[in-house]
Amino acid sequence: MRGVSKDWAAALCLFLAGCAGQPVYDPVLGVYVGRDGQVYPSVSGAVGGVSVGAGSGGGYVSTGFGPIRLGAGF
């Protein structure tokens, strides 16, 4: 059985979270999915494993270990 690529997995997570009304921030793709389901461009930077970013709909701080990423929006 073939595995799912990281790009498809990231896109699926963005879609599902957007449908659930949760804000999603993806520094790799450079997008922010707001609670309204709209996709906004964002910019981010990472220092020491912590990502900080901002978009037109707000900002975020996140950190991660492997495929697991924890974040908070503001």
N, C-alpha and C. Protein backbone atom coordinates (compact mmCIF):
# COMPACT_ATOMS: atom_id res chain seq x y z
N MET A 1 0.85 -1.18 0.00
CA MET A 1 0.00 0.00 0.00
C MET A 1 0.89 1.24 0.00
N ARG A 2 0.59 2.17 -0.85
CA ARG A 2 1.37 3.40 -0.95
C ARG A 2 0.96 4.38 0.13
N GLY A 3 1.94 5.13 0.63
CA GLY A 3 1.66 6.14 1.65
C GLY A 3 1.13 7.41 1.02
N VAL A 4 0.58 8.25 1.85
CA VAL A 4 0.06 9.54 1.42
C VAL A 4 1.19 10.56 1.52
N SER A 5 1.36 11.38 0.48
CA SER A 5 2.43 12.38 0.52
C SER A 5 2.12 13.44 1.56
N LYS A 6 3.18 14.12 2.02
CA LYS A 6 3.01 15.17 3.03
C LYS A 6 2.16 16.31 2.49
N ASP A 7 2.28 16.62 1.21
CA ASP A 7 1.49 17.70 0.62
C ASP A 7 0.00 17.39 0.67
N TRP A 8 -0.37 16.16 0.32
CA TRP A 8 -1.78 15.79 0.36
C TRP A 8 -2.29 15.76 1.79
N ALA A 9 -1.48 15.27 2.71
CA ALA A 9 -1.89 15.22 4.11
C ALA A 9 -2.10 16.63 4.66
N ALA A 10 -1.20 17.55 4.31
CA ALA A 10 -1.32 18.94 4.77
C ALA A 10 -2.58 19.58 4.18
N ALA A 11 -2.83 19.34 2.90
CA ALA A 11 -4.01 19.91 2.25
C ALA A 11 -5.29 19.36 2.88
N LEU A 12 -5.30 18.07 3.19
CA LEU A 12 -6.47 17.46 3.82
C LEU A 12 -6.71 18.04 5.21
N CYS A 13 -5.65 18.21 5.98
CA CYS A 13 -5.78 18.80 7.31
C CYS A 13 -6.32 20.23 7.23
N LEU A 14 -5.81 21.01 6.28
CA LEU A 14 -6.31 22.37 6.10
C LEU A 14 -7.79 22.38 5.76
N PHE A 15 -8.19 21.50 4.86
CA PHE A 15 -9.58 21.44 4.43
C PHE A 15 -10.50 21.04 5.59
N LEU A 16 -10.13 19.98 6.31
CA LEU A 16 -10.97 19.50 7.41
C LEU A 16 -11.07 20.52 8.54
N ALA A 17 -9.97 21.15 8.88
CA ALA A 17 -10.00 22.15 9.94
C ALA A 17 -10.82 23.36 9.52
N GLY A 18 -10.70 23.75 8.26
CA GLY A 18 -11.50 24.86 7.75
C GLY A 18 -12.99 24.54 7.81
N CYS A 19 -13.35 23.31 7.48
CA CYS A 19 -14.75 22.90 7.54
C CYS A 19 -15.26 22.87 8.98
N ALA A 20 -14.38 22.57 9.92
CA ALA A 20 -14.77 22.49 11.33
C ALA A 20 -14.81 23.86 11.99
N GLY A 21 -14.46 24.90 11.25
CA GLY A 21 -14.50 26.25 11.80
C GLY A 21 -13.32 26.58 12.68
N GLN A 22 -12.23 25.87 12.53
CA GLN A 22 -11.04 26.12 13.33
C GLN A 22 -10.03 26.90 12.51
N PRO A 23 -9.32 27.84 13.12
CA PRO A 23 -8.27 28.55 12.38
C PRO A 23 -7.09 27.62 12.16
N VAL A 24 -6.51 27.67 10.98
CA VAL A 24 -5.36 26.83 10.65
C VAL A 24 -4.28 27.71 10.06
N TYR A 25 -3.07 27.50 10.52
CA TYR A 25 -1.93 28.27 10.03
C TYR A 25 -0.91 27.28 9.50
N ASP A 26 -0.51 27.43 8.27
CA ASP A 26 0.49 26.54 7.69
C ASP A 26 1.65 27.36 7.17
N PRO A 27 2.77 27.39 7.93
CA PRO A 27 3.91 28.18 7.48
C PRO A 27 4.58 27.63 6.24
N VAL A 28 4.44 26.33 5.98
CA VAL A 28 5.07 25.73 4.81
C VAL A 28 4.36 26.18 3.53
N LEU A 29 3.04 26.14 3.55
CA LEU A 29 2.26 26.55 2.38
C LEU A 29 2.08 28.06 2.32
N GLY A 30 2.30 28.74 3.45
CA GLY A 30 2.14 30.19 3.48
C GLY A 30 0.69 30.63 3.44
N VAL A 31 -0.18 29.86 4.10
CA VAL A 31 -1.59 30.22 4.13
C VAL A 31 -2.15 30.17 5.55
N TYR A 32 -3.23 30.87 5.72
CA TYR A 32 -4.00 30.90 6.97
C TYR A 32 -5.44 30.66 6.59
N VAL A 33 -6.07 29.65 7.17
CA VAL A 33 -7.48 29.38 6.93
C VAL A 33 -8.24 29.88 8.15
N GLY A 34 -9.04 30.91 7.97
CA GLY A 34 -9.77 31.51 9.08
C GLY A 34 -10.98 30.72 9.49
N ARG A 35 -11.57 31.13 10.60
CA ARG A 35 -12.79 30.47 11.08
C ARG A 35 -13.94 30.62 10.08
N ASP A 36 -13.84 31.64 9.23
CA ASP A 36 -14.88 31.85 8.22
C ASP A 36 -14.69 30.95 7.01
N GLY A 37 -13.64 30.13 7.00
CA GLY A 37 -13.38 29.23 5.89
C GLY A 37 -12.61 29.84 4.75
N GLN A 38 -12.33 31.13 4.82
CA GLN A 38 -11.56 31.81 3.77
C GLN A 38 -10.07 31.51 3.93
N VAL A 39 -9.36 31.47 2.82
CA VAL A 39 -7.92 31.23 2.83
C VAL A 39 -7.21 32.56 2.61
N TYR A 40 -6.31 32.90 3.52
CA TYR A 40 -5.57 34.15 3.44
C TYR A 40 -4.08 33.84 3.32
N PRO A 41 -3.35 34.64 2.55
CA PRO A 41 -1.90 34.45 2.51
C PRO A 41 -1.29 34.89 3.83
N SER A 42 -0.17 34.28 4.21
CA SER A 42 0.51 34.67 5.44
C SER A 42 2.01 34.58 5.25
N VAL A 43 2.72 35.24 6.11
CA VAL A 43 4.18 35.16 6.11
C VAL A 43 4.60 34.69 7.49
N SER A 44 5.71 33.96 7.54
CA SER A 44 6.16 33.45 8.82
C SER A 44 7.67 33.29 8.83
N GLY A 45 8.18 33.13 10.01
CA GLY A 45 9.59 32.86 10.20
C GLY A 45 9.75 31.92 11.37
N ALA A 46 10.85 31.20 11.38
CA ALA A 46 11.09 30.24 12.46
C ALA A 46 12.45 30.48 13.08
N VAL A 47 12.47 30.43 14.40
CA VAL A 47 13.72 30.56 15.15
C VAL A 47 13.70 29.51 16.26
N GLY A 48 14.68 28.65 16.27
CA GLY A 48 14.78 27.65 17.33
C GLY A 48 13.58 26.72 17.44
N GLY A 49 12.97 26.37 16.32
CA GLY A 49 11.84 25.45 16.34
C GLY A 49 10.50 26.10 16.62
N VAL A 50 10.47 27.41 16.80
CA VAL A 50 9.23 28.13 17.04
C VAL A 50 8.93 28.99 15.82
N SER A 51 7.73 28.84 15.27
CA SER A 51 7.30 29.63 14.12
C SER A 51 6.39 30.75 14.58
N VAL A 52 6.60 31.92 14.02
CA VAL A 52 5.74 33.07 14.29
C VAL A 52 5.32 33.62 12.94
N GLY A 53 4.04 33.89 12.78
CA GLY A 53 3.56 34.38 11.50
C GLY A 53 2.40 35.32 11.64
N ALA A 54 2.08 35.96 10.53
CA ALA A 54 0.96 36.89 10.51
C ALA A 54 0.33 36.90 9.13
N GLY A 55 -0.96 37.11 9.11
CA GLY A 55 -1.71 37.25 7.88
C GLY A 55 -2.74 38.34 8.07
N SER A 56 -3.54 38.57 7.05
CA SER A 56 -4.54 39.63 7.14
C SER A 56 -5.62 39.30 8.17
N GLY A 57 -5.78 38.02 8.50
CA GLY A 57 -6.80 37.62 9.47
C GLY A 57 -6.30 37.46 10.88
N GLY A 58 -5.02 37.70 11.15
CA GLY A 58 -4.48 37.53 12.49
C GLY A 58 -3.07 36.97 12.44
N GLY A 59 -2.61 36.48 13.55
CA GLY A 59 -1.27 35.93 13.62
C GLY A 59 -1.26 34.62 14.39
N TYR A 60 -0.09 34.02 14.50
CA TYR A 60 0.01 32.74 15.20
C TYR A 60 1.42 32.51 15.71
N VAL A 61 1.50 31.62 16.68
CA VAL A 61 2.76 31.12 17.20
C VAL A 61 2.61 29.62 17.25
N SER A 62 3.59 28.88 16.75
CA SER A 62 3.49 27.43 16.80
C SER A 62 4.86 26.80 16.98
N THR A 63 4.84 25.58 17.45
CA THR A 63 6.05 24.79 17.59
C THR A 63 5.69 23.35 17.25
N GLY A 64 6.68 22.57 16.92
CA GLY A 64 6.37 21.21 16.54
C GLY A 64 7.51 20.25 16.76
N PHE A 65 7.17 18.98 16.74
CA PHE A 65 8.14 17.90 16.83
C PHE A 65 7.73 16.86 15.81
N GLY A 66 8.54 16.67 14.79
CA GLY A 66 8.18 15.74 13.72
C GLY A 66 6.92 16.22 13.02
N PRO A 67 5.97 15.31 12.78
CA PRO A 67 4.74 15.71 12.08
C PRO A 67 3.71 16.39 12.98
N ILE A 68 3.97 16.45 14.29
CA ILE A 68 3.01 17.04 15.22
C ILE A 68 3.34 18.51 15.42
N ARG A 69 2.37 19.37 15.21
CA ARG A 69 2.59 20.81 15.37
C ARG A 69 1.49 21.38 16.25
N LEU A 70 1.89 22.13 17.26
CA LEU A 70 0.94 22.78 18.15
C LEU A 70 1.02 24.27 17.93
N GLY A 71 -0.10 24.93 17.87
CA GLY A 71 -0.09 26.36 17.62
C GLY A 71 -1.25 27.08 18.26
N ALA A 72 -1.12 28.38 18.32
CA ALA A 72 -2.18 29.23 18.86
C ALA A 72 -2.28 30.48 18.02
N GLY A 73 -3.49 30.89 17.74
CA GLY A 73 -3.71 32.10 16.96
C GLY A 73 -4.04 33.29 17.85
N PHE A 74 -3.82 34.47 17.30
CA PHE A 74 -4.18 35.69 18.03
C PHE A 74 -4.62 36.74 17.04
